[in-house]
Amino acid sequence: MDQTFGKRLREARRSKGFSQRDLAGLVEVDYTYLSKLENDRADYPPKEDVIRALAHHLELDAEELSYLAGRITPEDAKVVQDLAKTHQKQMPVLLRTIRDNPEIAQRILQEAQQEEQSED
């Protein structure tokens, strides 16, 4: 996916006609921080309340924006925590394997989607 959090944010801000200062004021962050976010140069992902405020003012999907920012939902975090507790030694190996082998990650994701669709 070539769409980054920053690109999506800048594109939406411009389409709404906001300057960085305008949007930063609405979201209650410094405009220099917003600039860093738009350029994908922030040292850390924005907090959930900032993401929700950005999504609200830019009429974007907050969950999609969270994922683009590198955050996961609390529900997904719970799933990861449960897996880590159950498979303490195997989880780091699995995650490194997925990170280092995109084709394996793609195959796992496709199988998971197919299984989820068959359950619906």
PDB file of N, CA and C in Angstrom:
ATOM      1  N   MET A   1       0.853  -1.178   0.000  1.00  0.00           N
ATOM      2  CA  MET A   1       0.000   0.000   0.000  1.00  0.00           C
ATOM      3  C   MET A   1       0.896   1.237   0.000  1.00  0.00           C
ATOM      4  N   ASP A   2       0.706   2.116  -0.957  1.00  0.00           N
ATOM      5  CA  ASP A   2       1.545   3.304  -1.032  1.00  0.00           C
ATOM      6  C   ASP A   2       0.938   4.494  -0.311  1.00  0.00           C
ATOM      7  N   GLN A   3      -0.270   4.339   0.184  1.00  0.00           N
ATOM      8  CA  GLN A   3      -0.919   5.410   0.927  1.00  0.00           C
ATOM      9  C   GLN A   3      -0.411   5.382   2.363  1.00  0.00           C
ATOM     10  N   THR A   4       0.220   6.453   2.776  1.00  0.00           N
ATOM     11  CA  THR A   4       0.690   6.551   4.157  1.00  0.00           C
ATOM     12  C   THR A   4      -0.284   7.420   4.947  1.00  0.00           C
ATOM     13  N   PHE A   5      -0.116   7.397   6.250  1.00  0.00           N
ATOM     14  CA  PHE A   5      -0.914   8.241   7.119  1.00  0.00           C
ATOM     15  C   PHE A   5      -0.756   9.705   6.704  1.00  0.00           C
ATOM     16  N   GLY A   6       0.487  10.127   6.522  1.00  0.00           N
ATOM     17  CA  GLY A   6       0.758  11.518   6.181  1.00  0.00           C
ATOM     18  C   GLY A   6       0.157  11.938   4.855  1.00  0.00           C
ATOM     19  N   LYS A   7       0.302  11.085   3.847  1.00  0.00           N
ATOM     20  CA  LYS A   7      -0.265  11.406   2.524  1.00  0.00           C
ATOM     21  C   LYS A   7      -1.784  11.506   2.599  1.00  0.00           C
ATOM     22  N   ARG A   8      -2.395  10.565   3.321  1.00  0.00           N
ATOM     23  CA  ARG A   8      -3.861  10.576   3.445  1.00  0.00           C
ATOM     24  C   ARG A   8      -4.319  11.838   4.170  1.00  0.00           C
ATOM     25  N   LEU A   9      -3.601  12.190   5.211  1.00  0.00           N
ATOM     26  CA  LEU A   9      -3.928  13.367   6.004  1.00  0.00           C
ATOM     27  C   LEU A   9      -3.815  14.643   5.162  1.00  0.00           C
ATOM     28  N   ARG A  10      -2.704  14.809   4.467  1.00  0.00           N
ATOM     29  CA  ARG A  10      -2.488  15.999   3.639  1.00  0.00           C
ATOM     30  C   ARG A  10      -3.551  16.101   2.547  1.00  0.00           C
ATOM     31  N   GLU A  11      -3.804  14.982   1.888  1.00  0.00           N
ATOM     32  CA  GLU A  11      -4.792  14.958   0.807  1.00  0.00           C
ATOM     33  C   GLU A  11      -6.174  15.387   1.326  1.00  0.00           C
ATOM     34  N   ALA A  12      -6.579  14.835   2.455  1.00  0.00           N
ATOM     35  CA  ALA A  12      -7.888  15.170   3.015  1.00  0.00           C
ATOM     36  C   ALA A  12      -7.940  16.622   3.488  1.00  0.00           C
ATOM     37  N   ARG A  13      -6.868  17.081   4.124  1.00  0.00           N
ATOM     38  CA  ARG A  13      -6.829  18.479   4.601  1.00  0.00           C
ATOM     39  C   ARG A  13      -6.976  19.446   3.437  1.00  0.00           C
ATOM     40  N   ARG A  14      -6.216  19.193   2.392  1.00  0.00           N
ATOM     41  CA  ARG A  14      -6.279  20.085   1.225  1.00  0.00           C
ATOM     42  C   ARG A  14      -7.651  20.039   0.552  1.00  0.00           C
ATOM     43  N   SER A  15      -8.233  18.846   0.467  1.00  0.00           N
ATOM     44  CA  SER A  15      -9.545  18.746  -0.186  1.00  0.00           C
ATOM     45  C   SER A  15     -10.628  19.472   0.611  1.00  0.00           C
ATOM     46  N   LYS A  16     -10.426  19.603   1.920  1.00  0.00           N
ATOM     47  CA  LYS A  16     -11.371  20.337   2.765  1.00  0.00           C
ATOM     48  C   LYS A  16     -11.063  21.831   2.811  1.00  0.00           C
ATOM     49  N   GLY A  17      -9.923  22.220   2.239  1.00  0.00           N
ATOM     50  CA  GLY A  17      -9.570  23.634   2.186  1.00  0.00           C
ATOM     51  C   GLY A  17      -8.972  24.186   3.466  1.00  0.00           C
ATOM     52  N   PHE A  18      -8.488  23.314   4.345  1.00  0.00           N
ATOM     53  CA  PHE A  18      -7.864  23.755   5.592  1.00  0.00           C
ATOM     54  C   PHE A  18      -6.382  24.021   5.368  1.00  0.00           C
ATOM     55  N   SER A  19      -5.873  25.056   6.026  1.00  0.00           N
ATOM     56  CA  SER A  19      -4.426  25.211   6.120  1.00  0.00           C
ATOM     57  C   SER A  19      -3.967  24.306   7.264  1.00  0.00           C
ATOM     58  N   GLN A  20      -2.672  24.087   7.347  1.00  0.00           N
ATOM     59  CA  GLN A  20      -2.178  23.297   8.472  1.00  0.00           C
ATOM     60  C   GLN A  20      -2.508  23.972   9.801  1.00  0.00           C
ATOM     61  N   ARG A  21      -2.378  25.287   9.840  1.00  0.00           N
ATOM     62  CA  ARG A  21      -2.686  26.016  11.075  1.00  0.00           C
ATOM     63  C   ARG A  21      -4.165  25.897  11.443  1.00  0.00           C
ATOM     64  N   ASP A  22      -5.047  25.966  10.432  1.00  0.00           N
ATOM     65  CA  ASP A  22      -6.485  25.834  10.694  1.00  0.00           C
ATOM     66  C   ASP A  22      -6.807  24.477  11.317  1.00  0.00           C
ATOM     67  N   LEU A  23      -6.324  23.423  10.658  1.00  0.00           N
ATOM     68  CA  LEU A  23      -6.622  22.072  11.143  1.00  0.00           C
ATOM     69  C   LEU A  23      -5.973  21.823  12.497  1.00  0.00           C
ATOM     70  N   ALA A  24      -4.750  22.271  12.666  1.00  0.00           N
ATOM     71  CA  ALA A  24      -4.068  22.099  13.949  1.00  0.00           C
ATOM     72  C   ALA A  24      -4.853  22.763  15.070  1.00  0.00           C
ATOM     73  N   GLY A  25      -5.422  23.924  14.801  1.00  0.00           N
ATOM     74  CA  GLY A  25      -6.236  24.612  15.807  1.00  0.00           C
ATOM     75  C   GLY A  25      -7.485  23.827  16.156  1.00  0.00           C
ATOM     76  N   LEU A  26      -8.140  23.260  15.151  1.00  0.00           N
ATOM     77  CA  LEU A  26      -9.349  22.465  15.399  1.00  0.00           C
ATOM     78  C   LEU A  26      -9.046  21.204  16.209  1.00  0.00           C
ATOM     79  N   VAL A  27      -7.896  20.612  15.949  1.00  0.00           N
ATOM     80  CA  VAL A  27      -7.523  19.352  16.594  1.00  0.00           C
ATOM     81  C   VAL A  27      -6.769  19.596  17.904  1.00  0.00           C
ATOM     82  N   GLU A  28      -6.383  20.846  18.126  1.00  0.00           N
ATOM     83  CA  GLU A  28      -5.672  21.259  19.332  1.00  0.00           C
ATOM     84  C   GLU A  28      -4.287  20.636  19.440  1.00  0.00           C
ATOM     85  N   VAL A  29      -3.548  20.712  18.318  1.00  0.00           N
ATOM     86  CA  VAL A  29      -2.128  20.337  18.296  1.00  0.00           C
ATOM     87  C   VAL A  29      -1.373  21.482  17.655  1.00  0.00           C
ATOM     88  N   ASP A  30      -0.083  21.500  17.838  1.00  0.00           N
ATOM     89  CA  ASP A  30       0.744  22.523  17.215  1.00  0.00           C
ATOM     90  C   ASP A  30       0.841  22.253  15.714  1.00  0.00           C
ATOM     91  N   TYR A  31       0.832  23.301  14.923  1.00  0.00           N
ATOM     92  CA  TYR A  31       0.873  23.112  13.462  1.00  0.00           C
ATOM     93  C   TYR A  31       2.175  22.456  13.018  1.00  0.00           C
ATOM     94  N   THR A  32       3.257  22.635  13.789  1.00  0.00           N
ATOM     95  CA  THR A  32       4.515  21.978  13.419  1.00  0.00           C
ATOM     96  C   THR A  32       4.405  20.465  13.595  1.00  0.00           C
ATOM     97  N   TYR A  33       3.642  20.028  14.590  1.00  0.00           N
ATOM     98  CA  TYR A  33       3.408  18.599  14.785  1.00  0.00           C
ATOM     99  C   TYR A  33       2.568  18.052  13.633  1.00  0.00           C
ATOM    100  N   LEU A  34       1.551  18.800  13.241  1.00  0.00           N
ATOM    101  CA  LEU A  34       0.720  18.385  12.109  1.00  0.00           C
ATOM    102  C   LEU A  34       1.575  18.268  10.845  1.00  0.00           C
ATOM    103  N   SER A  35       2.496  19.191  10.661  1.00  0.00           N
ATOM    104  CA  SER A  35       3.403  19.129   9.518  1.00  0.00           C
ATOM    105  C   SER A  35       4.240  17.850   9.559  1.00  0.00           C
ATOM    106  N   LYS A  36       4.738  17.503  10.735  1.00  0.00           N
ATOM    107  CA  LYS A  36       5.512  16.267  10.877  1.00  0.00           C
ATOM    108  C   LYS A  36       4.647  15.049  10.546  1.00  0.00           C
ATOM    109  N   LEU A  37       3.401  15.064  11.000  1.00  0.00           N
ATOM    110  CA  LEU A  37       2.501  13.950  10.692  1.00  0.00           C
ATOM    111  C   LEU A  37       2.293  13.828   9.188  1.00  0.00           C
ATOM    112  N   GLU A  38       2.044  14.956   8.542  1.00  0.00           N
ATOM    113  CA  GLU A  38       1.790  14.944   7.099  1.00  0.00           C
ATOM    114  C   GLU A  38       3.019  14.488   6.306  1.00  0.00           C
ATOM    115  N   ASN A  39       4.187  14.723   6.842  1.00  0.00           N
ATOM    116  CA  ASN A  39       5.415  14.324   6.153  1.00  0.00           C
ATOM    117  C   ASN A  39       5.943  12.975   6.650  1.00  0.00           C
ATOM    118  N   ASP A  40       5.118  12.278   7.440  1.00  0.00           N
ATOM    119  CA  ASP A  40       5.490  10.973   8.002  1.00  0.00           C
ATOM    120  C   ASP A  40       6.833  11.035   8.719  1.00  0.00           C
ATOM    121  N   ARG A  41       7.026  12.123   9.475  1.00  0.00           N
ATOM    122  CA  ARG A  41       8.289  12.315  10.187  1.00  0.00           C
ATOM    123  C   ARG A  41       8.113  12.464  11.691  1.00  0.00           C
ATOM    124  N   ALA A  42       6.930  12.186  12.184  1.00  0.00           N
ATOM    125  CA  ALA A  42       6.718  12.254  13.630  1.00  0.00           C
ATOM    126  C   ALA A  42       7.449  11.090  14.285  1.00  0.00           C
ATOM    127  N   ASP A  43       7.942  11.315  15.472  1.00  0.00           N
ATOM    128  CA  ASP A  43       8.696  10.284  16.186  1.00  0.00           C
ATOM    129  C   ASP A  43       7.813   9.139  16.683  1.00  0.00           C
ATOM    130  N   TYR A  44       6.529   9.370  16.774  1.00  0.00           N
ATOM    131  CA  TYR A  44       5.592   8.371  17.280  1.00  0.00           C
ATOM    132  C   TYR A  44       4.224   8.636  16.653  1.00  0.00           C
ATOM    133  N   PRO A  45       3.383   7.611  16.584  1.00  0.00           N
ATOM    134  CA  PRO A  45       2.040   7.831  16.022  1.00  0.00           C
ATOM    135  C   PRO A  45       1.229   8.743  16.947  1.00  0.00           C
ATOM    136  N   PRO A  46       0.303   9.485  16.382  1.00  0.00           N
ATOM    137  CA  PRO A  46      -0.541  10.344  17.224  1.00  0.00           C
ATOM    138  C   PRO A  46      -1.410   9.517  18.150  1.00  0.00           C
ATOM    139  N   LYS A  47      -1.811  10.126  19.254  1.00  0.00           N
ATOM    140  CA  LYS A  47      -2.701   9.463  20.205  1.00  0.00           C
ATOM    141  C   LYS A  47      -4.069   9.270  19.570  1.00  0.00           C
ATOM    142  N   GLU A  48      -4.812   8.334  20.125  1.00  0.00           N
ATOM    143  CA  GLU A  48      -6.126   8.002  19.579  1.00  0.00           C
ATOM    144  C   GLU A  48      -7.062   9.218  19.522  1.00  0.00           C
ATOM    145  N   ASP A  49      -7.032  10.083  20.542  1.00  0.00           N
ATOM    146  CA  ASP A  49      -7.934  11.235  20.528  1.00  0.00           C
ATOM    147  C   ASP A  49      -7.581  12.202  19.393  1.00  0.00           C
ATOM    148  N   VAL A  50      -6.303  12.310  19.067  1.00  0.00           N
ATOM    149  CA  VAL A  50      -5.882  13.166  17.948  1.00  0.00           C
ATOM    150  C   VAL A  50      -6.348  12.539  16.631  1.00  0.00           C
ATOM    151  N   ILE A  51      -6.186  11.234  16.506  1.00  0.00           N
ATOM    152  CA  ILE A  51      -6.633  10.549  15.296  1.00  0.00           C
ATOM    153  C   ILE A  51      -8.144  10.708  15.121  1.00  0.00           C
ATOM    154  N   ARG A  52      -8.889  10.546  16.201  1.00  0.00           N
ATOM    155  CA  ARG A  52     -10.358  10.699  16.124  1.00  0.00           C
ATOM    156  C   ARG A  52     -10.742  12.129  15.738  1.00  0.00           C
ATOM    157  N   ALA A  53     -10.046  13.106  16.296  1.00  0.00           N
ATOM    158  CA  ALA A  53     -10.336  14.505  15.968  1.00  0.00           C
ATOM    159  C   ALA A  53     -10.007  14.794  14.502  1.00  0.00           C
ATOM    160  N   LEU A  54      -8.870  14.291  14.035  1.00  0.00           N
ATOM    161  CA  LEU A  54      -8.516  14.469  12.623  1.00  0.00           C
ATOM    162  C   LEU A  54      -9.563  13.820  11.727  1.00  0.00           C
ATOM    163  N   ALA A  55      -9.943  12.602  12.068  1.00  0.00           N
ATOM    164  CA  ALA A  55     -10.949  11.891  11.271  1.00  0.00           C
ATOM    165  C   ALA A  55     -12.264  12.663  11.254  1.00  0.00           C
ATOM    166  N   HIS A  56     -12.651  13.195  12.388  1.00  0.00           N
ATOM    167  CA  HIS A  56     -13.909  13.952  12.474  1.00  0.00           C
ATOM    168  C   HIS A  56     -13.872  15.187  11.574  1.00  0.00           C
ATOM    169  N   HIS A  57     -12.840  15.995  11.727  1.00  0.00           N
ATOM    170  CA  HIS A  57     -12.768  17.249  10.978  1.00  0.00           C
ATOM    171  C   HIS A  57     -12.509  17.046   9.488  1.00  0.00           C
ATOM    172  N   LEU A  58     -11.887  15.913   9.137  1.00  0.00           N
ATOM    173  CA  LEU A  58     -11.584  15.652   7.730  1.00  0.00           C
ATOM    174  C   LEU A  58     -12.575  14.665   7.101  1.00  0.00           C
ATOM    175  N   GLU A  59     -13.551  14.244   7.910  1.00  0.00           N
ATOM    176  CA  GLU A  59     -14.568  13.289   7.462  1.00  0.00           C
ATOM    177  C   GLU A  59     -13.929  12.024   6.893  1.00  0.00           C
ATOM    178  N   LEU A  60     -13.030  11.451   7.696  1.00  0.00           N
ATOM    179  CA  LEU A  60     -12.343  10.210   7.345  1.00  0.00           C
ATOM    180  C   LEU A  60     -12.753   9.114   8.318  1.00  0.00           C
ATOM    181  N   ASP A  61     -12.504   7.885   7.944  1.00  0.00           N
ATOM    182  CA  ASP A  61     -12.770   6.750   8.811  1.00  0.00           C
ATOM    183  C   ASP A  61     -11.669   6.673   9.865  1.00  0.00           C
ATOM    184  N   ALA A  62     -12.045   6.780  11.127  1.00  0.00           N
ATOM    185  CA  ALA A  62     -11.070   6.822  12.219  1.00  0.00           C
ATOM    186  C   ALA A  62     -10.282   5.519  12.320  1.00  0.00           C
ATOM    187  N   GLU A  63     -10.927   4.388  12.087  1.00  0.00           N
ATOM    188  CA  GLU A  63     -10.227   3.104  12.176  1.00  0.00           C
ATOM    189  C   GLU A  63      -9.171   2.986  11.077  1.00  0.00           C
ATOM    190  N   GLU A  64      -9.530   3.367   9.864  1.00  0.00           N
ATOM    191  CA  GLU A  64      -8.569   3.339   8.760  1.00  0.00           C
ATOM    192  C   GLU A  64      -7.386   4.258   9.064  1.00  0.00           C
ATOM    193  N   LEU A  65      -7.680   5.442   9.571  1.00  0.00           N
ATOM    194  CA  LEU A  65      -6.624   6.390   9.907  1.00  0.00           C
ATOM    195  C   LEU A  65      -5.724   5.834  11.016  1.00  0.00           C
ATOM    196  N   SER A  66      -6.318   5.166  11.984  1.00  0.00           N
ATOM    197  CA  SER A  66      -5.531   4.552  13.058  1.00  0.00           C
ATOM    198  C   SER A  66      -4.566   3.521  12.511  1.00  0.00           C
ATOM    199  N   TYR A  67      -5.056   2.676  11.627  1.00  0.00           N
ATOM    200  CA  TYR A  67      -4.185   1.656  11.038  1.00  0.00           C
ATOM    201  C   TYR A  67      -3.064   2.296  10.225  1.00  0.00           C
ATOM    202  N   LEU A  68      -3.407   3.322   9.442  1.00  0.00           N
ATOM    203  CA  LEU A  68      -2.370   4.004   8.661  1.00  0.00           C
ATOM    204  C   LEU A  68      -1.323   4.647   9.572  1.00  0.00           C
ATOM    205  N   ALA A  69      -1.763   5.089  10.749  1.00  0.00           N
ATOM    206  CA  ALA A  69      -0.847   5.734  11.698  1.00  0.00           C
ATOM    207  C   ALA A  69       0.019   4.712  12.435  1.00  0.00           C
ATOM    208  N   GLY A  70      -0.317   3.437  12.283  1.00  0.00           N
ATOM    209  CA  GLY A  70       0.459   2.412  12.973  1.00  0.00           C
ATOM    210  C   GLY A  70      -0.128   2.012  14.307  1.00  0.00           C
ATOM    211  N   ARG A  71      -1.360   2.386  14.540  1.00  0.00           N
ATOM    212  CA  ARG A  71      -2.047   2.005  15.777  1.00  0.00           C
ATOM    213  C   ARG A  71      -3.060   0.911  15.453  1.00  0.00           C
ATOM    214  N   ILE A  72      -3.411   0.146  16.456  1.00  0.00           N
ATOM    215  CA  ILE A  72      -4.455  -0.849  16.276  1.00  0.00           C
ATOM    216  C   ILE A  72      -5.568  -0.564  17.266  1.00  0.00           C
ATOM    217  N   THR A  73      -6.732  -1.108  16.981  1.00  0.00           N
ATOM    218  CA  THR A  73      -7.875  -0.873  17.855  1.00  0.00           C
ATOM    219  C   THR A  73      -7.665  -1.583  19.192  1.00  0.00           C
ATOM    220  N   PRO A  74      -8.336  -1.140  20.228  1.00  0.00           N
ATOM    221  CA  PRO A  74      -8.230  -1.838  21.517  1.00  0.00           C
ATOM    222  C   PRO A  74      -8.648  -3.311  21.416  1.00  0.00           C
ATOM    223  N   GLU A  75      -9.637  -3.593  20.583  1.00  0.00           N
ATOM    224  CA  GLU A  75     -10.072  -4.979  20.401  1.00  0.00           C
ATOM    225  C   GLU A  75      -8.951  -5.822  19.792  1.00  0.00           C
ATOM    226  N   ASP A  76      -8.265  -5.264  18.772  1.00  0.00           N
ATOM    227  CA  ASP A  76      -7.160  -5.982  18.145  1.00  0.00           C
ATOM    228  C   ASP A  76      -5.986  -6.130  19.109  1.00  0.00           C
ATOM    229  N   ALA A  77      -5.755  -5.129  19.922  1.00  0.00           N
ATOM    230  CA  ALA A  77      -4.678  -5.213  20.915  1.00  0.00           C
ATOM    231  C   ALA A  77      -4.951  -6.353  21.891  1.00  0.00           C
ATOM    232  N   LYS A  78      -6.208  -6.524  22.258  1.00  0.00           N
ATOM    233  CA  LYS A  78      -6.598  -7.623  23.161  1.00  0.00           C
ATOM    234  C   LYS A  78      -6.321  -8.971  22.514  1.00  0.00           C
ATOM    235  N   VAL A  79      -6.624  -9.101  21.226  1.00  0.00           N
ATOM    236  CA  VAL A  79      -6.354 -10.349  20.506  1.00  0.00           C
ATOM    237  C   VAL A  79      -4.855 -10.648  20.518  1.00  0.00           C
ATOM    238  N   VAL A  80      -4.039  -9.647  20.242  1.00  0.00           N
ATOM    239  CA  VAL A  80      -2.586  -9.829  20.226  1.00  0.00           C
ATOM    240  C   VAL A  80      -2.092 -10.213  21.622  1.00  0.00           C
ATOM    241  N   GLN A  81      -2.611  -9.559  22.648  1.00  0.00           N
ATOM    242  CA  GLN A  81      -2.207  -9.885  24.022  1.00  0.00           C
ATOM    243  C   GLN A  81      -2.577 -11.323  24.373  1.00  0.00           C
ATOM    244  N   ASP A  82      -3.773 -11.739  23.997  1.00  0.00           N
ATOM    245  CA  ASP A  82      -4.205 -13.111  24.278  1.00  0.00           C
ATOM    246  C   ASP A  82      -3.310 -14.124  23.572  1.00  0.00           C
ATOM    247  N   LEU A  83      -2.981 -13.847  22.309  1.00  0.00           N
ATOM    248  CA  LEU A  83      -2.092 -14.743  21.566  1.00  0.00           C
ATOM    249  C   LEU A  83      -0.701 -14.792  22.189  1.00  0.00           C
ATOM    250  N   ALA A  84      -0.214 -13.632  22.605  1.00  0.00           N
ATOM    251  CA  ALA A  84       1.113 -13.579  23.211  1.00  0.00           C
ATOM    252  C   ALA A  84       1.150 -14.367  24.520  1.00  0.00           C
ATOM    253  N   LYS A  85       0.072 -14.320  25.283  1.00  0.00           N
ATOM    254  CA  LYS A  85       0.014 -15.084  26.530  1.00  0.00           C
ATOM    255  C   LYS A  85      -0.039 -16.581  26.254  1.00  0.00           C
ATOM    256  N   THR A  86      -0.800 -16.950  25.244  1.00  0.00           N
ATOM    257  CA  THR A  86      -0.983 -18.362  24.925  1.00  0.00           C
ATOM    258  C   THR A  86       0.239 -18.970  24.250  1.00  0.00           C
ATOM    259  N   HIS A  87       0.894 -18.183  23.405  1.00  0.00           N
ATOM    260  CA  HIS A  87       2.025 -18.671  22.603  1.00  0.00           C
ATOM    261  C   HIS A  87       3.252 -17.790  22.829  1.00  0.00           C
ATOM    262  N   GLN A  88       3.674 -17.694  24.074  1.00  0.00           N
ATOM    263  CA  GLN A  88       4.741 -16.768  24.446  1.00  0.00           C
ATOM    264  C   GLN A  88       6.012 -16.917  23.617  1.00  0.00           C
ATOM    265  N   LYS A  89       6.468 -18.128  23.409  1.00  0.00           N
ATOM    266  CA  LYS A  89       7.735 -18.326  22.714  1.00  0.00           C
ATOM    267  C   LYS A  89       7.583 -18.289  21.203  1.00  0.00           C
ATOM    268  N   GLN A  90       6.423 -18.686  20.685  1.00  0.00           N
ATOM    269  CA  GLN A  90       6.231 -18.759  19.245  1.00  0.00           C
ATOM    270  C   GLN A  90       5.861 -17.418  18.607  1.00  0.00           C
ATOM    271  N   MET A  91       5.219 -16.536  19.345  1.00  0.00           N
ATOM    272  CA  MET A  91       4.751 -15.266  18.766  1.00  0.00           C
ATOM    273  C   MET A  91       5.876 -14.414  18.186  1.00  0.00           C
ATOM    274  N   PRO A  92       6.976 -14.213  18.896  1.00  0.00           N
ATOM    275  CA  PRO A  92       8.048 -13.406  18.293  1.00  0.00           C
ATOM    276  C   PRO A  92       8.577 -14.022  16.996  1.00  0.00           C
ATOM    277  N   VAL A  93       8.686 -15.347  16.964  1.00  0.00           N
ATOM    278  CA  VAL A  93       9.156 -16.025  15.753  1.00  0.00           C
ATOM    279  C   VAL A  93       8.169 -15.785  14.616  1.00  0.00           C
ATOM    280  N   LEU A  94       6.884 -15.950  14.898  1.00  0.00           N
ATOM    281  CA  LEU A  94       5.854 -15.736  13.885  1.00  0.00           C
ATOM    282  C   LEU A  94       5.885 -14.304  13.364  1.00  0.00           C
ATOM    283  N   LEU A  95       5.950 -13.345  14.257  1.00  0.00           N
ATOM    284  CA  LEU A  95       5.927 -11.943  13.847  1.00  0.00           C
ATOM    285  C   LEU A  95       7.167 -11.573  13.034  1.00  0.00           C
ATOM    286  N   ARG A  96       8.328 -12.071  13.421  1.00  0.00           N
ATOM    287  CA  ARG A  96       9.542 -11.804  12.627  1.00  0.00           C
ATOM    288  C   ARG A  96       9.440 -12.452  11.252  1.00  0.00           C
ATOM    289  N   THR A  97       8.895 -13.660  11.203  1.00  0.00           N
ATOM    290  CA  THR A  97       8.744 -14.360   9.929  1.00  0.00           C
ATOM    291  C   THR A  97       7.818 -13.588   9.003  1.00  0.00           C
ATOM    292  N   ILE A  98       6.711 -13.112   9.536  1.00  0.00           N
ATOM    293  CA  ILE A  98       5.769 -12.331   8.735  1.00  0.00           C
ATOM    294  C   ILE A  98       6.416 -11.033   8.261  1.00  0.00           C
ATOM    295  N   ARG A  99       7.139 -10.380   9.146  1.00  0.00           N
ATOM    296  CA  ARG A  99       7.820  -9.129   8.788  1.00  0.00           C
ATOM    297  C   ARG A  99       8.848  -9.335   7.679  1.00  0.00           C
ATOM    298  N   ASP A 100       9.610 -10.404   7.799  1.00  0.00           N
ATOM    299  CA  ASP A 100      10.721 -10.629   6.879  1.00  0.00           C
ATOM    300  C   ASP A 100      10.332 -11.333   5.583  1.00  0.00           C
ATOM    301  N   ASN A 101       9.136 -11.911   5.526  1.00  0.00           N
ATOM    302  CA  ASN A 101       8.686 -12.665   4.355  1.00  0.00           C
ATOM    303  C   ASN A 101       7.284 -12.211   3.950  1.00  0.00           C
ATOM    304  N   PRO A 102       7.184 -11.131   3.199  1.00  0.00           N
ATOM    305  CA  PRO A 102       5.879 -10.580   2.840  1.00  0.00           C
ATOM    306  C   PRO A 102       4.958 -11.589   2.148  1.00  0.00           C
ATOM    307  N   GLU A 103       5.524 -12.524   1.381  1.00  0.00           N
ATOM    308  CA  GLU A 103       4.672 -13.497   0.692  1.00  0.00           C
ATOM    309  C   GLU A 103       3.981 -14.428   1.697  1.00  0.00           C
ATOM    310  N   ILE A 104       4.654 -14.756   2.779  1.00  0.00           N
ATOM    311  CA  ILE A 104       4.024 -15.572   3.825  1.00  0.00           C
ATOM    312  C   ILE A 104       2.918 -14.767   4.498  1.00  0.00           C
ATOM    313  N   ALA A 105       3.198 -13.521   4.791  1.00  0.00           N
ATOM    314  CA  ALA A 105       2.187 -12.662   5.405  1.00  0.00           C
ATOM    315  C   ALA A 105       0.960 -12.551   4.506  1.00  0.00           C
ATOM    316  N   GLN A 106       1.178 -12.369   3.213  1.00  0.00           N
ATOM    317  CA  GLN A 106       0.065 -12.247   2.267  1.00  0.00           C
ATOM    318  C   GLN A 106      -0.766 -13.525   2.248  1.00  0.00           C
ATOM    319  N   ARG A 107      -0.105 -14.671   2.247  1.00  0.00           N
ATOM    320  CA  ARG A 107      -0.816 -15.945   2.230  1.00  0.00           C
ATOM    321  C   ARG A 107      -1.651 -16.139   3.503  1.00  0.00           C
ATOM    322  N   ILE A 108      -1.068 -15.812   4.647  1.00  0.00           N
ATOM    323  CA  ILE A 108      -1.789 -15.923   5.916  1.00  0.00           C
ATOM    324  C   ILE A 108      -2.999 -15.001   5.921  1.00  0.00           C
ATOM    325  N   LEU A 109      -2.815 -13.767   5.453  1.00  0.00           N
ATOM    326  CA  LEU A 109      -3.916 -12.804   5.425  1.00  0.00           C
ATOM    327  C   LEU A 109      -5.032 -13.257   4.494  1.00  0.00           C
ATOM    328  N   GLN A 110      -4.682 -13.784   3.340  1.00  0.00           N
ATOM    329  CA  GLN A 110      -5.696 -14.264   2.397  1.00  0.00           C
ATOM    330  C   GLN A 110      -6.485 -15.418   2.999  1.00  0.00           C
ATOM    331  N   GLU A 111      -5.785 -16.360   3.630  1.00  0.00           N
ATOM    332  CA  GLU A 111      -6.461 -17.494   4.260  1.00  0.00           C
ATOM    333  C   GLU A 111      -7.374 -17.028   5.388  1.00  0.00           C
ATOM    334  N   ALA A 112      -6.922 -16.058   6.163  1.00  0.00           N
ATOM    335  CA  ALA A 112      -7.742 -15.540   7.261  1.00  0.00           C
ATOM    336  C   ALA A 112      -8.993 -14.858   6.725  1.00  0.00           C
ATOM    337  N   GLN A 113      -8.853 -14.090   5.642  1.00  0.00           N
ATOM    338  CA  GLN A 113     -10.017 -13.426   5.042  1.00  0.00           C
ATOM    339  C   GLN A 113     -11.008 -14.443   4.512  1.00  0.00           C
ATOM    340  N   GLN A 114     -10.509 -15.492   3.856  1.00  0.00           N
ATOM    341  CA  GLN A 114     -11.390 -16.532   3.321  1.00  0.00           C
ATOM    342  C   GLN A 114     -12.139 -17.226   4.449  1.00  0.00           C
ATOM    343  N   GLU A 115     -11.437 -17.515   5.532  1.00  0.00           N
ATOM    344  CA  GLU A 115     -12.074 -18.165   6.668  1.00  0.00           C
ATOM    345  C   GLU A 115     -13.127 -17.257   7.301  1.00  0.00           C
ATOM    346  N   GLU A 116     -12.810 -15.977   7.428  1.00  0.00           N
ATOM    347  CA  GLU A 116     -13.754 -15.017   8.007  1.00  0.00           C
ATOM    348  C   GLU A 116     -15.000 -14.889   7.136  1.00  0.00           C
ATOM    349  N   GLN A 117     -14.811 -14.873   5.828  1.00  0.00           N
ATOM    350  CA  GLN A 117     -15.945 -14.774   4.895  1.00  0.00           C
ATOM    351  C   GLN A 117     -16.815 -16.031   4.932  1.00  0.00           C
ATOM    352  N   SER A 118     -16.197 -17.178   5.098  1.00  0.00           N
ATOM    353  CA  SER A 118     -16.974 -18.418   5.126  1.00  0.00           C
ATOM    354  C   SER A 118     -17.785 -18.526   6.424  1.00  0.00           C
ATOM    355  N   GLU A 119     -17.327 -17.838   7.483  1.00  0.00           N
ATOM    356  CA  GLU A 119     -18.065 -17.839   8.752  1.00  0.00           C
ATOM    357  C   GLU A 119     -19.281 -16.930   8.690  1.00  0.00           C
ATOM    358  N   ASP A 120     -19.239 -15.937   7.810  1.00  0.00           N
ATOM    359  CA  ASP A 120     -20.362 -14.980   7.683  1.00  0.00           C
ATOM    360  C   ASP A 120     -21.448 -15.598   6.883  1.00  0.00           C
TER     361      ASP A 120
END
